[in-house]
N, C-alpha and C. Protein backbone atom coordinates (compact mmCIF):
# COMPACT_ATOMS: atom_id res chain seq x y z
N MET A 1 -42.42 -181.71 -48.11
CA MET A 1 -43.36 -183.54 -47.70
C MET A 1 -42.72 -184.49 -48.35
N LYS A 2 -42.77 -185.77 -47.19
CA LYS A 2 -42.60 -186.67 -47.77
C LYS A 2 -43.42 -187.94 -49.04
N PRO A 3 -42.83 -188.20 -49.08
CA PRO A 3 -43.29 -189.44 -50.49
C PRO A 3 -43.90 -190.45 -50.12
N THR A 4 -46.01 -190.28 -50.30
CA THR A 4 -46.18 -191.62 -49.96
C THR A 4 -46.15 -192.83 -50.63
N ILE A 5 -46.72 -194.43 -50.51
CA ILE A 5 -46.92 -195.37 -51.86
C ILE A 5 -48.30 -194.83 -52.37
N TYR A 6 -48.74 -193.39 -52.65
CA TYR A 6 -49.91 -193.20 -53.69
C TYR A 6 -49.22 -192.56 -54.15
N ASP A 7 -47.91 -191.31 -54.01
CA ASP A 7 -47.39 -191.19 -54.45
C ASP A 7 -46.95 -191.91 -55.98
N VAL A 8 -46.34 -192.79 -55.28
CA VAL A 8 -45.46 -194.08 -56.22
C VAL A 8 -45.77 -194.87 -57.58
N ALA A 9 -47.35 -194.66 -56.95
CA ALA A 9 -48.09 -195.73 -57.51
C ALA A 9 -48.92 -194.70 -59.08
N GLN A 10 -48.77 -193.40 -58.68
CA GLN A 10 -49.29 -192.41 -59.28
C GLN A 10 -48.03 -192.17 -60.44
N ALA A 11 -47.17 -191.76 -59.41
CA ALA A 11 -46.24 -191.52 -60.33
C ALA A 11 -45.16 -192.82 -61.58
N ALA A 12 -45.23 -193.88 -61.43
CA ALA A 12 -45.40 -195.58 -62.02
C ALA A 12 -46.83 -196.08 -62.82
N GLY A 13 -47.75 -195.18 -62.19
CA GLY A 13 -49.17 -195.57 -63.11
C GLY A 13 -49.32 -196.70 -62.70
N VAL A 14 -49.32 -197.41 -61.68
CA VAL A 14 -49.63 -198.62 -61.62
C VAL A 14 -50.93 -198.48 -60.09
N SER A 15 -50.96 -199.81 -59.61
CA SER A 15 -51.91 -199.98 -58.28
C SER A 15 -51.46 -199.66 -57.31
N ILE A 16 -51.73 -199.07 -56.58
CA ILE A 16 -50.80 -199.19 -54.69
C ILE A 16 -51.01 -200.20 -54.72
N ALA A 17 -51.82 -201.73 -54.91
CA ALA A 17 -51.65 -202.66 -54.47
C ALA A 17 -50.61 -203.11 -55.02
N THR A 18 -49.77 -202.80 -56.16
CA THR A 18 -48.55 -203.55 -57.16
C THR A 18 -47.88 -203.44 -56.07
N VAL A 19 -47.62 -201.75 -55.90
CA VAL A 19 -46.17 -201.01 -55.36
C VAL A 19 -46.37 -201.59 -53.85
N SER A 20 -46.90 -202.27 -53.32
CA SER A 20 -46.68 -202.54 -51.37
C SER A 20 -46.44 -204.00 -52.09
N LYS A 21 -47.12 -204.33 -53.15
CA LYS A 21 -46.36 -205.59 -53.44
C LYS A 21 -45.04 -206.28 -54.51
N VAL A 22 -44.09 -205.24 -54.73
CA VAL A 22 -42.78 -204.77 -55.29
C VAL A 22 -41.77 -204.41 -53.69
N ILE A 23 -42.34 -203.87 -52.86
CA ILE A 23 -41.94 -203.91 -51.45
C ILE A 23 -42.18 -204.41 -51.22
N ASN A 24 -43.23 -205.24 -50.44
CA ASN A 24 -42.86 -206.53 -49.31
C ASN A 24 -42.30 -208.28 -49.99
N ALA A 25 -42.58 -207.74 -51.95
CA ALA A 25 -42.32 -209.41 -52.44
C ALA A 25 -42.60 -210.21 -52.45
N THR A 26 -44.06 -209.52 -52.34
CA THR A 26 -44.98 -210.81 -52.64
C THR A 26 -46.12 -210.31 -53.92
N GLY A 27 -46.39 -211.90 -54.18
CA GLY A 27 -47.30 -211.46 -55.24
C GLY A 27 -46.70 -212.72 -56.66
N ARG A 28 -47.44 -212.12 -57.81
CA ARG A 28 -46.81 -212.20 -58.96
C ARG A 28 -46.53 -210.82 -59.44
N ILE A 29 -45.05 -210.52 -59.84
CA ILE A 29 -45.12 -208.95 -60.16
C ILE A 29 -43.81 -209.81 -60.78
N SER A 30 -43.84 -208.30 -62.25
CA SER A 30 -43.04 -208.63 -63.74
C SER A 30 -41.90 -207.94 -63.27
N ASP A 31 -40.72 -208.34 -63.36
CA ASP A 31 -39.60 -208.06 -62.94
C ASP A 31 -39.48 -206.57 -63.86
N LYS A 32 -40.07 -206.75 -65.15
CA LYS A 32 -40.10 -205.34 -66.22
C LYS A 32 -40.90 -204.24 -64.68
N THR A 33 -42.40 -204.17 -63.75
CA THR A 33 -42.71 -203.64 -63.86
C THR A 33 -42.12 -202.88 -61.67
N ARG A 34 -41.73 -204.17 -61.33
CA ARG A 34 -40.51 -204.30 -60.75
C ARG A 34 -39.46 -202.94 -60.99
N LYS A 35 -39.26 -204.14 -61.31
CA LYS A 35 -37.92 -202.59 -61.90
C LYS A 35 -38.76 -201.13 -61.59
N HIS A 36 -39.24 -200.44 -62.49
CA HIS A 36 -40.18 -199.59 -62.99
C HIS A 36 -40.13 -198.90 -61.50
N VAL A 37 -41.00 -199.57 -60.33
CA VAL A 37 -41.58 -199.36 -59.20
C VAL A 37 -40.32 -199.11 -58.42
N HIS A 38 -39.06 -199.75 -58.37
CA HIS A 38 -38.10 -199.00 -57.86
C HIS A 38 -37.12 -198.48 -58.18
N SER A 39 -36.89 -198.25 -59.34
CA SER A 39 -37.12 -196.58 -60.51
C SER A 39 -37.58 -195.37 -59.73
N VAL A 40 -38.86 -195.73 -59.92
CA VAL A 40 -39.63 -195.01 -59.68
C VAL A 40 -38.93 -194.14 -57.83
N MET A 41 -39.53 -195.44 -56.81
CA MET A 41 -39.16 -195.83 -55.76
C MET A 41 -38.13 -194.63 -54.61
N GLU A 42 -36.70 -194.84 -56.05
CA GLU A 42 -35.36 -194.45 -55.55
C GLU A 42 -35.75 -192.34 -56.64
N GLN A 43 -36.44 -192.22 -57.39
CA GLN A 43 -36.65 -191.19 -57.73
C GLN A 43 -37.34 -189.68 -56.80
N LEU A 44 -38.25 -190.47 -56.06
CA LEU A 44 -39.15 -189.79 -55.55
C LEU A 44 -38.54 -189.87 -53.52
N LYS A 45 -37.53 -190.69 -53.94
CA LYS A 45 -36.38 -191.10 -52.42
C LYS A 45 -37.90 -191.33 -51.62
N TYR A 46 -38.30 -192.12 -52.06
CA TYR A 46 -39.47 -192.85 -51.26
C TYR A 46 -39.22 -194.01 -50.02
N GLN A 47 -39.11 -193.81 -48.77
CA GLN A 47 -38.87 -194.92 -47.75
C GLN A 47 -39.94 -195.75 -46.97
N PRO A 48 -40.28 -196.89 -47.16
CA PRO A 48 -41.42 -197.57 -46.52
C PRO A 48 -41.44 -196.87 -45.07
N SER A 49 -42.29 -197.40 -44.28
CA SER A 49 -42.12 -196.41 -42.74
C SER A 49 -42.55 -197.67 -42.53
N MET A 50 -41.74 -198.07 -40.90
CA MET A 50 -40.81 -199.01 -40.96
C MET A 50 -42.00 -199.39 -39.55
N VAL A 51 -43.01 -197.92 -39.23
CA VAL A 51 -43.81 -198.12 -38.15
C VAL A 51 -45.33 -198.51 -38.68
N ALA A 52 -45.98 -197.65 -40.00
CA ALA A 52 -47.10 -199.14 -40.49
C ALA A 52 -46.76 -200.44 -40.60
N ALA A 53 -45.40 -200.77 -41.71
CA ALA A 53 -44.84 -202.10 -41.27
C ALA A 53 -45.67 -202.78 -40.02
N ALA A 54 -44.94 -202.25 -38.87
CA ALA A 54 -45.67 -203.47 -37.67
C ALA A 54 -46.66 -203.09 -37.64
N LEU A 55 -47.40 -202.06 -37.68
CA LEU A 55 -48.69 -202.04 -37.54
C LEU A 55 -49.34 -202.92 -38.21
N THR A 56 -48.83 -203.31 -39.13
CA THR A 56 -49.69 -204.48 -40.47
C THR A 56 -48.80 -205.75 -39.59
N GLY A 57 -49.20 -205.73 -38.40
CA GLY A 57 -48.09 -207.74 -38.20
C GLY A 57 -46.50 -207.59 -39.36
N LYS A 58 -46.38 -207.16 -40.46
CA LYS A 58 -44.69 -207.33 -41.14
C LYS A 58 -43.50 -207.35 -40.29
N SER A 59 -42.96 -207.85 -40.73
CA SER A 59 -40.67 -207.09 -39.38
C SER A 59 -40.72 -206.00 -39.96
N THR A 60 -40.06 -205.37 -39.22
CA THR A 60 -40.04 -204.06 -39.23
C THR A 60 -37.78 -204.17 -39.60
N TYR A 61 -37.30 -205.33 -39.61
CA TYR A 61 -36.48 -205.84 -40.01
C TYR A 61 -35.19 -204.87 -39.06
N THR A 62 -36.05 -205.38 -38.00
CA THR A 62 -34.92 -204.21 -36.32
C THR A 62 -34.60 -205.25 -35.24
N ILE A 63 -33.39 -205.63 -34.80
CA ILE A 63 -33.17 -206.22 -33.74
C ILE A 63 -33.13 -205.29 -32.63
N GLY A 64 -33.09 -205.72 -31.23
CA GLY A 64 -32.55 -204.65 -30.01
C GLY A 64 -31.91 -206.02 -29.41
N LEU A 65 -30.47 -204.45 -29.43
CA LEU A 65 -29.34 -205.43 -28.51
C LEU A 65 -29.23 -204.68 -27.07
N THR A 66 -30.11 -205.60 -25.86
CA THR A 66 -29.62 -204.37 -24.49
C THR A 66 -27.44 -205.28 -23.61
N LEU A 67 -27.22 -204.54 -23.59
CA LEU A 67 -26.21 -204.82 -22.67
C LEU A 67 -25.50 -204.01 -21.94
N PRO A 68 -24.83 -205.00 -20.99
CA PRO A 68 -24.33 -204.17 -19.93
C PRO A 68 -23.83 -202.85 -20.02
N ASP A 69 -22.44 -202.70 -20.39
CA ASP A 69 -22.16 -201.91 -20.44
C ASP A 69 -20.76 -201.50 -21.85
N LEU A 70 -21.10 -201.06 -22.25
CA LEU A 70 -20.63 -200.61 -23.62
C LEU A 70 -18.93 -200.74 -23.97
N ALA A 71 -18.39 -199.89 -23.35
CA ALA A 71 -17.74 -199.53 -22.45
C ALA A 71 -16.05 -200.66 -22.89
N ASN A 72 -16.96 -201.96 -22.50
CA ASN A 72 -16.91 -202.99 -21.84
C ASN A 72 -16.14 -203.61 -23.69
N PRO A 73 -14.85 -203.80 -23.32
CA PRO A 73 -14.76 -204.49 -24.68
C PRO A 73 -14.97 -206.04 -25.43
N PHE A 74 -15.52 -206.54 -24.13
CA PHE A 74 -16.30 -207.51 -23.93
C PHE A 74 -17.09 -207.56 -24.27
N PHE A 75 -18.38 -206.72 -24.49
CA PHE A 75 -19.42 -206.34 -24.97
C PHE A 75 -19.38 -205.77 -26.13
N ALA A 76 -18.60 -204.38 -26.88
CA ALA A 76 -18.88 -203.79 -27.06
C ALA A 76 -17.52 -204.56 -28.61
N GLU A 77 -17.26 -205.60 -28.12
CA GLU A 77 -17.29 -206.79 -29.30
C GLU A 77 -18.38 -207.84 -29.68
N ILE A 78 -19.03 -207.53 -27.90
CA ILE A 78 -20.79 -208.22 -29.47
C ILE A 78 -21.21 -207.86 -30.07
N ALA A 79 -21.14 -206.54 -29.49
CA ALA A 79 -22.61 -205.36 -30.34
C ALA A 79 -21.84 -204.88 -31.18
N ARG A 80 -20.42 -205.58 -31.90
CA ARG A 80 -20.17 -205.04 -32.99
C ARG A 80 -20.38 -206.70 -34.27
N SER A 81 -20.33 -207.64 -33.65
CA SER A 81 -20.83 -208.90 -34.35
C SER A 81 -21.81 -208.96 -34.39
N VAL A 82 -22.82 -208.54 -33.63
CA VAL A 82 -24.96 -208.59 -33.53
C VAL A 82 -24.24 -207.16 -34.56
N GLU A 83 -23.98 -206.69 -35.05
CA GLU A 83 -24.52 -205.48 -35.97
C GLU A 83 -24.52 -206.27 -36.94
N ASP A 84 -22.48 -206.01 -37.07
CA ASP A 84 -22.39 -206.68 -38.39
C ASP A 84 -23.52 -207.53 -39.27
N ARG A 85 -23.48 -208.84 -38.19
CA ARG A 85 -24.65 -210.58 -38.89
C ARG A 85 -26.25 -209.37 -39.61
N GLY A 86 -25.77 -208.79 -38.95
CA GLY A 86 -27.48 -208.00 -38.69
C GLY A 86 -27.54 -207.38 -39.75
N HIS A 87 -26.86 -206.71 -40.03
CA HIS A 87 -26.63 -205.70 -41.57
C HIS A 87 -25.92 -206.58 -42.70
N GLU A 88 -25.44 -207.64 -42.88
CA GLU A 88 -25.41 -208.76 -43.92
C GLU A 88 -26.91 -208.93 -43.71
N HIS A 89 -27.81 -209.81 -43.53
CA HIS A 89 -29.45 -210.44 -43.21
C HIS A 89 -30.39 -209.01 -43.12
N GLY A 90 -29.95 -207.93 -43.69
CA GLY A 90 -30.36 -206.54 -43.76
C GLY A 90 -31.70 -206.04 -42.96
N PHE A 91 -30.72 -206.42 -41.60
CA PHE A 91 -31.05 -205.45 -40.16
C PHE A 91 -30.74 -205.04 -39.55
N ASN A 92 -31.41 -203.80 -39.06
CA ASN A 92 -31.05 -203.04 -38.31
C ASN A 92 -30.98 -203.18 -36.63
N VAL A 93 -30.03 -202.48 -35.79
CA VAL A 93 -29.42 -202.97 -34.90
C VAL A 93 -29.64 -201.76 -33.87
N PHE A 94 -31.30 -202.08 -33.05
CA PHE A 94 -31.08 -200.75 -31.59
C PHE A 94 -30.02 -201.15 -30.60
N ILE A 95 -28.69 -200.62 -30.53
CA ILE A 95 -28.18 -201.50 -29.14
C ILE A 95 -27.76 -200.08 -28.04
N CYS A 96 -29.86 -201.05 -27.10
CA CYS A 96 -28.93 -199.95 -25.12
C CYS A 96 -27.86 -200.77 -24.46
N ASN A 97 -27.90 -199.56 -23.53
CA ASN A 97 -26.80 -199.64 -22.93
C ASN A 97 -27.31 -199.22 -21.77
N THR A 98 -27.41 -200.52 -21.22
CA THR A 98 -28.44 -200.26 -18.93
C THR A 98 -27.23 -200.03 -18.45
N ASP A 99 -26.21 -200.06 -17.94
CA ASP A 99 -25.48 -199.61 -16.75
C ASP A 99 -25.44 -200.83 -15.79
N ASN A 100 -26.11 -202.12 -16.18
CA ASN A 100 -26.32 -202.80 -15.22
C ASN A 100 -27.69 -202.43 -14.32
N ASP A 101 -27.95 -201.04 -14.30
CA ASP A 101 -28.79 -200.99 -14.48
C ASP A 101 -30.49 -202.29 -14.01
N PRO A 102 -31.16 -202.92 -13.62
CA PRO A 102 -32.71 -202.87 -13.68
C PRO A 102 -33.60 -202.22 -13.98
N ASP A 103 -33.68 -201.26 -13.27
CA ASP A 103 -34.94 -200.10 -14.12
C ASP A 103 -34.64 -199.74 -15.33
N LYS A 104 -33.46 -199.77 -15.69
CA LYS A 104 -32.83 -199.37 -17.56
C LYS A 104 -33.16 -199.94 -17.79
N GLU A 105 -32.73 -201.31 -17.51
CA GLU A 105 -33.06 -202.63 -17.92
C GLU A 105 -33.94 -202.49 -18.56
N VAL A 106 -35.54 -202.81 -18.16
CA VAL A 106 -36.84 -203.31 -17.95
C VAL A 106 -37.18 -201.70 -19.34
N LYS A 107 -36.87 -200.36 -18.36
CA LYS A 107 -37.16 -199.44 -19.32
C LYS A 107 -36.59 -199.67 -20.90
N TYR A 108 -35.94 -200.13 -21.04
CA TYR A 108 -35.44 -200.23 -22.14
C TYR A 108 -36.54 -201.51 -23.24
N LEU A 109 -36.26 -202.57 -22.76
CA LEU A 109 -36.71 -203.67 -23.05
C LEU A 109 -38.29 -203.31 -22.94
N SER A 110 -39.19 -202.25 -22.45
CA SER A 110 -40.27 -201.70 -23.13
C SER A 110 -40.05 -200.73 -24.22
N LEU A 111 -39.10 -199.74 -24.37
CA LEU A 111 -39.38 -199.55 -24.73
C LEU A 111 -39.01 -200.56 -26.55
N LEU A 112 -38.02 -201.51 -26.63
CA LEU A 112 -37.70 -202.37 -28.11
C LEU A 112 -38.84 -202.58 -28.08
N SER A 113 -39.86 -203.13 -27.08
CA SER A 113 -41.10 -204.28 -26.72
C SER A 113 -41.77 -202.89 -27.82
N GLN A 114 -42.83 -201.82 -27.82
CA GLN A 114 -43.65 -200.44 -28.22
C GLN A 114 -42.51 -200.16 -29.62
N LYS A 115 -40.92 -200.64 -29.95
CA LYS A 115 -40.94 -200.13 -31.16
C LYS A 115 -41.17 -201.43 -32.08
N ARG A 116 -41.92 -202.64 -31.64
CA ARG A 116 -41.54 -204.09 -32.71
C ARG A 116 -40.90 -204.51 -33.22
N VAL A 117 -39.30 -204.13 -32.22
CA VAL A 117 -38.62 -205.08 -32.96
C VAL A 117 -39.17 -207.03 -33.18
N ASP A 118 -37.92 -207.24 -34.13
CA ASP A 118 -38.31 -208.39 -34.74
C ASP A 118 -37.73 -209.36 -33.34
N GLY A 119 -37.27 -208.97 -33.07
CA GLY A 119 -36.71 -210.29 -31.93
C GLY A 119 -35.76 -209.38 -30.62
N ILE A 120 -35.48 -209.42 -29.51
CA ILE A 120 -33.97 -208.73 -28.63
C ILE A 120 -33.55 -210.19 -28.41
N ILE A 121 -31.69 -209.68 -27.97
CA ILE A 121 -30.86 -210.17 -28.25
C ILE A 121 -30.28 -209.61 -26.41
N SER A 122 -29.92 -209.76 -25.69
CA SER A 122 -29.69 -209.39 -24.30
C SER A 122 -28.51 -209.92 -23.57
N ALA A 123 -27.19 -209.27 -23.30
CA ALA A 123 -26.22 -209.80 -22.33
C ALA A 123 -26.16 -208.94 -21.16
N THR A 124 -27.12 -208.82 -20.91
CA THR A 124 -27.76 -208.19 -19.89
C THR A 124 -27.85 -209.47 -18.80
N ARG A 125 -27.86 -209.14 -17.53
CA ARG A 125 -28.25 -210.29 -16.34
C ARG A 125 -29.95 -209.90 -16.32
N ILE A 126 -30.64 -210.44 -17.32
CA ILE A 126 -32.13 -209.92 -16.40
C ILE A 126 -32.57 -209.69 -15.13
N GLN A 127 -32.79 -209.12 -14.32
CA GLN A 127 -33.42 -209.24 -13.12
C GLN A 127 -34.95 -209.78 -12.81
N ASN A 128 -36.14 -208.86 -14.15
CA ASN A 128 -37.16 -209.01 -13.98
C ASN A 128 -37.61 -210.34 -15.14
N ASP A 129 -37.59 -211.60 -14.38
CA ASP A 129 -38.51 -212.41 -15.38
C ASP A 129 -39.70 -212.47 -15.43
N GLN A 130 -40.35 -211.76 -14.50
CA GLN A 130 -41.99 -211.78 -15.39
C GLN A 130 -41.93 -210.99 -16.17
N PHE A 131 -41.34 -209.41 -16.23
CA PHE A 131 -41.09 -208.93 -17.40
C PHE A 131 -40.73 -209.60 -19.10
N LEU A 132 -39.83 -210.21 -18.80
CA LEU A 132 -39.47 -210.99 -19.33
C LEU A 132 -40.37 -212.19 -19.98
N LYS A 133 -41.48 -212.42 -19.37
CA LYS A 133 -41.98 -213.37 -18.93
C LYS A 133 -43.61 -212.79 -19.93
N LYS A 134 -43.75 -212.00 -20.28
CA LYS A 134 -44.51 -210.99 -20.74
C LYS A 134 -44.23 -211.20 -22.32
N LEU A 135 -42.59 -210.11 -22.89
CA LEU A 135 -42.07 -210.01 -23.90
C LEU A 135 -42.24 -211.71 -24.86
N ILE A 136 -42.02 -212.24 -24.34
CA ILE A 136 -42.82 -214.32 -24.36
C ILE A 136 -43.90 -214.30 -25.24
N GLN A 137 -44.64 -213.83 -23.85
CA GLN A 137 -46.47 -214.07 -24.37
C GLN A 137 -46.43 -212.92 -25.56
N GLN A 138 -46.26 -212.01 -26.06
CA GLN A 138 -45.84 -211.39 -27.00
C GLN A 138 -45.37 -211.65 -28.50
N ASN A 139 -44.99 -213.05 -28.47
CA ASN A 139 -44.29 -213.62 -29.33
C ASN A 139 -43.41 -212.82 -29.81
N ILE A 140 -42.03 -212.34 -29.00
CA ILE A 140 -41.02 -211.72 -29.39
C ILE A 140 -39.86 -212.53 -28.96
N PRO A 141 -38.90 -213.39 -29.86
CA PRO A 141 -38.15 -214.15 -30.70
C PRO A 141 -36.65 -213.26 -29.32
N ILE A 142 -36.07 -213.76 -28.24
CA ILE A 142 -35.53 -214.05 -27.15
C ILE A 142 -34.40 -214.46 -27.10
N ALA A 143 -33.05 -213.57 -27.21
CA ALA A 143 -32.40 -215.36 -26.83
C ALA A 143 -30.99 -214.46 -26.49
N LEU A 144 -30.73 -215.18 -24.98
CA LEU A 144 -29.60 -214.30 -23.76
C LEU A 144 -28.07 -214.07 -24.29
N ILE A 145 -27.69 -213.86 -23.73
CA ILE A 145 -25.81 -214.54 -24.20
C ILE A 145 -25.24 -214.29 -22.98
N THR A 146 -24.06 -215.34 -22.15
CA THR A 146 -23.39 -214.82 -21.18
C THR A 146 -24.79 -215.56 -20.06
N GLY A 147 -26.33 -215.30 -20.13
CA GLY A 147 -26.53 -215.40 -18.57
C GLY A 147 -27.79 -216.33 -18.61
N GLU A 148 -28.07 -217.36 -18.37
CA GLU A 148 -28.99 -217.82 -18.24
C GLU A 148 -30.62 -217.90 -17.40
N MET A 149 -31.47 -218.08 -17.47
CA MET A 149 -32.85 -217.93 -17.39
C MET A 149 -33.52 -219.04 -16.91
N PRO A 150 -33.04 -220.24 -16.04
CA PRO A 150 -33.61 -221.50 -16.63
C PRO A 150 -35.32 -221.79 -15.90
N THR A 151 -35.70 -220.16 -15.30
CA THR A 151 -37.46 -220.78 -15.39
C THR A 151 -37.66 -220.41 -16.32
N LEU A 152 -37.17 -219.51 -17.61
CA LEU A 152 -37.66 -219.35 -18.49
C LEU A 152 -37.47 -220.55 -20.91
N ALA A 153 -38.81 -220.37 -20.49
CA ALA A 153 -37.99 -221.26 -22.63
C ALA A 153 -37.12 -220.62 -23.38
N VAL A 154 -36.54 -220.00 -22.94
CA VAL A 154 -35.61 -218.67 -24.66
C VAL A 154 -34.06 -219.54 -24.11
N ASP A 155 -34.05 -219.15 -25.96
CA ASP A 155 -32.67 -219.51 -26.65
C ASP A 155 -31.59 -218.33 -25.38
N THR A 156 -30.54 -219.65 -25.84
CA THR A 156 -29.45 -219.43 -24.52
C THR A 156 -27.84 -219.33 -24.80
N VAL A 157 -26.87 -218.27 -24.59
CA VAL A 157 -25.89 -219.00 -25.08
C VAL A 157 -24.60 -218.89 -24.16
N MET A 158 -24.01 -219.28 -24.25
CA MET A 158 -23.49 -219.34 -23.17
C MET A 158 -22.11 -219.19 -23.22
N VAL A 159 -20.47 -218.69 -22.11
CA VAL A 159 -19.49 -218.84 -22.13
C VAL A 159 -18.85 -219.49 -21.08
N ASP A 160 -18.44 -220.76 -21.32
CA ASP A 160 -18.12 -221.80 -20.05
C ASP A 160 -17.03 -220.77 -19.26
N ASP A 161 -16.78 -220.19 -19.06
CA ASP A 161 -16.16 -219.53 -16.85
C ASP A 161 -14.86 -220.38 -17.10
N TYR A 162 -15.50 -221.84 -16.65
CA TYR A 162 -15.16 -222.45 -15.72
C TYR A 162 -13.36 -222.67 -16.79
N LEU A 163 -13.39 -223.49 -18.07
CA LEU A 163 -12.78 -223.93 -19.06
C LEU A 163 -11.53 -222.94 -19.79
N GLY A 164 -11.77 -221.30 -19.51
CA GLY A 164 -11.79 -220.03 -19.70
C GLY A 164 -10.40 -219.50 -18.71
N GLY A 165 -10.88 -220.55 -17.53
CA GLY A 165 -10.26 -219.76 -16.40
C GLY A 165 -8.87 -221.03 -16.33
N PHE A 166 -9.29 -222.30 -16.84
CA PHE A 166 -8.42 -223.55 -16.44
C PHE A 166 -7.08 -222.69 -17.95
N GLN A 167 -8.43 -222.22 -18.51
CA GLN A 167 -7.03 -222.14 -20.06
C GLN A 167 -5.67 -220.87 -19.76
N ALA A 168 -6.69 -220.03 -19.51
CA ALA A 168 -5.67 -218.76 -19.23
C ALA A 168 -4.62 -219.45 -17.72
N GLY A 169 -5.00 -219.81 -16.49
CA GLY A 169 -4.41 -220.58 -15.74
C GLY A 169 -3.09 -221.32 -16.33
N ASN A 170 -3.61 -222.06 -17.54
CA ASN A 170 -2.85 -223.54 -17.90
C ASN A 170 -1.49 -222.75 -18.71
N HIS A 171 -2.35 -221.58 -19.21
CA HIS A 171 -1.42 -220.67 -20.28
C HIS A 171 -0.20 -219.88 -19.53
N LEU A 172 -0.85 -219.56 -18.59
CA LEU A 172 0.46 -219.11 -17.56
C LEU A 172 1.54 -220.01 -17.14
N LEU A 173 1.07 -221.36 -16.73
CA LEU A 173 1.81 -222.52 -16.43
C LEU A 173 2.73 -222.73 -17.64
N GLU A 174 2.07 -222.99 -18.36
CA GLU A 174 2.97 -223.12 -19.99
C GLU A 174 4.07 -222.22 -20.37
N LEU A 175 4.20 -221.42 -19.72
CA LEU A 175 4.75 -219.75 -20.08
C LEU A 175 6.11 -219.94 -18.84
N GLY A 176 5.82 -220.66 -17.75
CA GLY A 176 6.84 -221.36 -17.32
C GLY A 176 6.24 -220.55 -15.36
N HIS A 177 5.27 -219.64 -15.43
CA HIS A 177 5.55 -219.00 -14.62
C HIS A 177 4.73 -220.02 -12.95
N LYS A 178 5.15 -219.67 -11.41
CA LYS A 178 4.82 -220.69 -10.90
C LYS A 178 4.10 -219.87 -10.03
N ARG A 179 4.23 -217.94 -9.79
CA ARG A 179 3.76 -217.43 -8.72
C ARG A 179 2.49 -216.18 -9.43
N ILE A 180 1.52 -217.29 -9.02
CA ILE A 180 0.63 -216.56 -10.41
C ILE A 180 -1.08 -215.63 -9.50
N ALA A 181 -1.26 -214.56 -9.27
CA ALA A 181 -1.80 -213.86 -8.82
C ALA A 181 -3.13 -213.91 -10.22
N ILE A 182 -4.15 -213.74 -8.53
CA ILE A 182 -5.30 -214.09 -9.62
C ILE A 182 -6.27 -213.04 -9.08
N LEU A 183 -6.94 -211.51 -9.71
CA LEU A 183 -7.63 -211.29 -9.70
C LEU A 183 -8.84 -210.65 -9.80
N VAL A 184 -9.97 -210.58 -9.13
CA VAL A 184 -11.43 -211.14 -9.01
C VAL A 184 -12.61 -210.09 -8.83
N GLU A 185 -13.08 -209.51 -9.75
CA GLU A 185 -13.70 -208.35 -9.53
C GLU A 185 -14.63 -208.50 -8.19
N ASP A 186 -15.59 -209.15 -8.30
CA ASP A 186 -17.18 -210.04 -7.68
C ASP A 186 -17.26 -211.34 -7.54
N MET A 187 -16.55 -211.72 -6.18
CA MET A 187 -16.97 -212.94 -5.55
C MET A 187 -18.38 -213.11 -5.31
N ASP A 188 -19.49 -212.59 -5.88
CA ASP A 188 -21.05 -212.93 -5.54
C ASP A 188 -21.31 -213.10 -7.18
N ASN A 189 -20.19 -212.52 -8.07
CA ASN A 189 -20.41 -212.58 -9.37
C ASN A 189 -20.41 -214.75 -9.66
N MET A 190 -21.28 -215.09 -10.20
CA MET A 190 -20.93 -216.66 -11.07
C MET A 190 -20.11 -217.05 -11.94
N SER A 191 -19.89 -216.48 -12.79
CA SER A 191 -18.56 -216.65 -13.71
C SER A 191 -17.25 -216.00 -12.95
N ASN A 192 -17.46 -215.42 -12.27
CA ASN A 192 -16.02 -214.94 -11.50
C ASN A 192 -15.89 -216.61 -10.72
N ARG A 193 -16.64 -216.65 -10.02
CA ARG A 193 -16.72 -217.86 -9.15
C ARG A 193 -16.20 -218.64 -10.27
N GLU A 194 -15.92 -219.60 -11.19
CA GLU A 194 -16.35 -220.17 -12.30
C GLU A 194 -14.75 -219.55 -13.10
N ARG A 195 -14.51 -219.23 -13.35
CA ARG A 195 -14.01 -218.38 -13.54
C ARG A 195 -12.01 -218.73 -12.66
N LEU A 196 -12.43 -218.35 -11.47
CA LEU A 196 -11.51 -218.14 -10.41
C LEU A 196 -11.13 -220.00 -9.86
N ARG A 197 -12.12 -220.77 -10.13
CA ARG A 197 -12.25 -222.24 -9.80
C ARG A 197 -11.63 -223.08 -11.26
N GLY A 198 -11.60 -223.17 -11.96
CA GLY A 198 -10.86 -222.83 -13.35
C GLY A 198 -9.00 -222.90 -13.00
N CYS A 199 -9.37 -221.69 -13.14
CA CYS A 199 -7.49 -222.00 -13.09
C CYS A 199 -6.94 -222.46 -11.93
N LYS A 200 -7.63 -222.27 -10.92
CA LYS A 200 -7.19 -222.92 -9.39
C LYS A 200 -6.75 -224.40 -10.09
């Protein structure tokens, strides 16, 4: 049976309130007591419950990341960077691959909300702005990568596709190439149109 906060308090000879303060790094606790409680937690292999933390409105130290295609090297690099940076700050990252499926996207965003993540980073082109509005109303911080939603006040990190296309075309010209082919996957995609425009 998993040890509880009660077991830690009893083994350490302190109150449950003291253990709670040590776990949450709040209140005035002496270094000696703090170290003693941490030592007992390690001995008992006690892990604070993330669910309990979420229910009391505390941080769960988790971030949700939605990606359209994890197999795409661009998005794999984003995932790695978010995970590395999150780890630096003590956060775990839930990575959700949506396969560019709007229904799967809503399902994952709903799941992340239920898991009480501390924030969501989305690199998918969110189709359902109404669902996103609900998440914002729940005070879940949201940041968008590579796609903007002008109708909502959310932080956004954009890629300058026009400049990227210009730099790619310019690089080939500087190497002396004159006959340049441009392959575009989907001309309905604004990013692709901007890259083509920049390259031209």
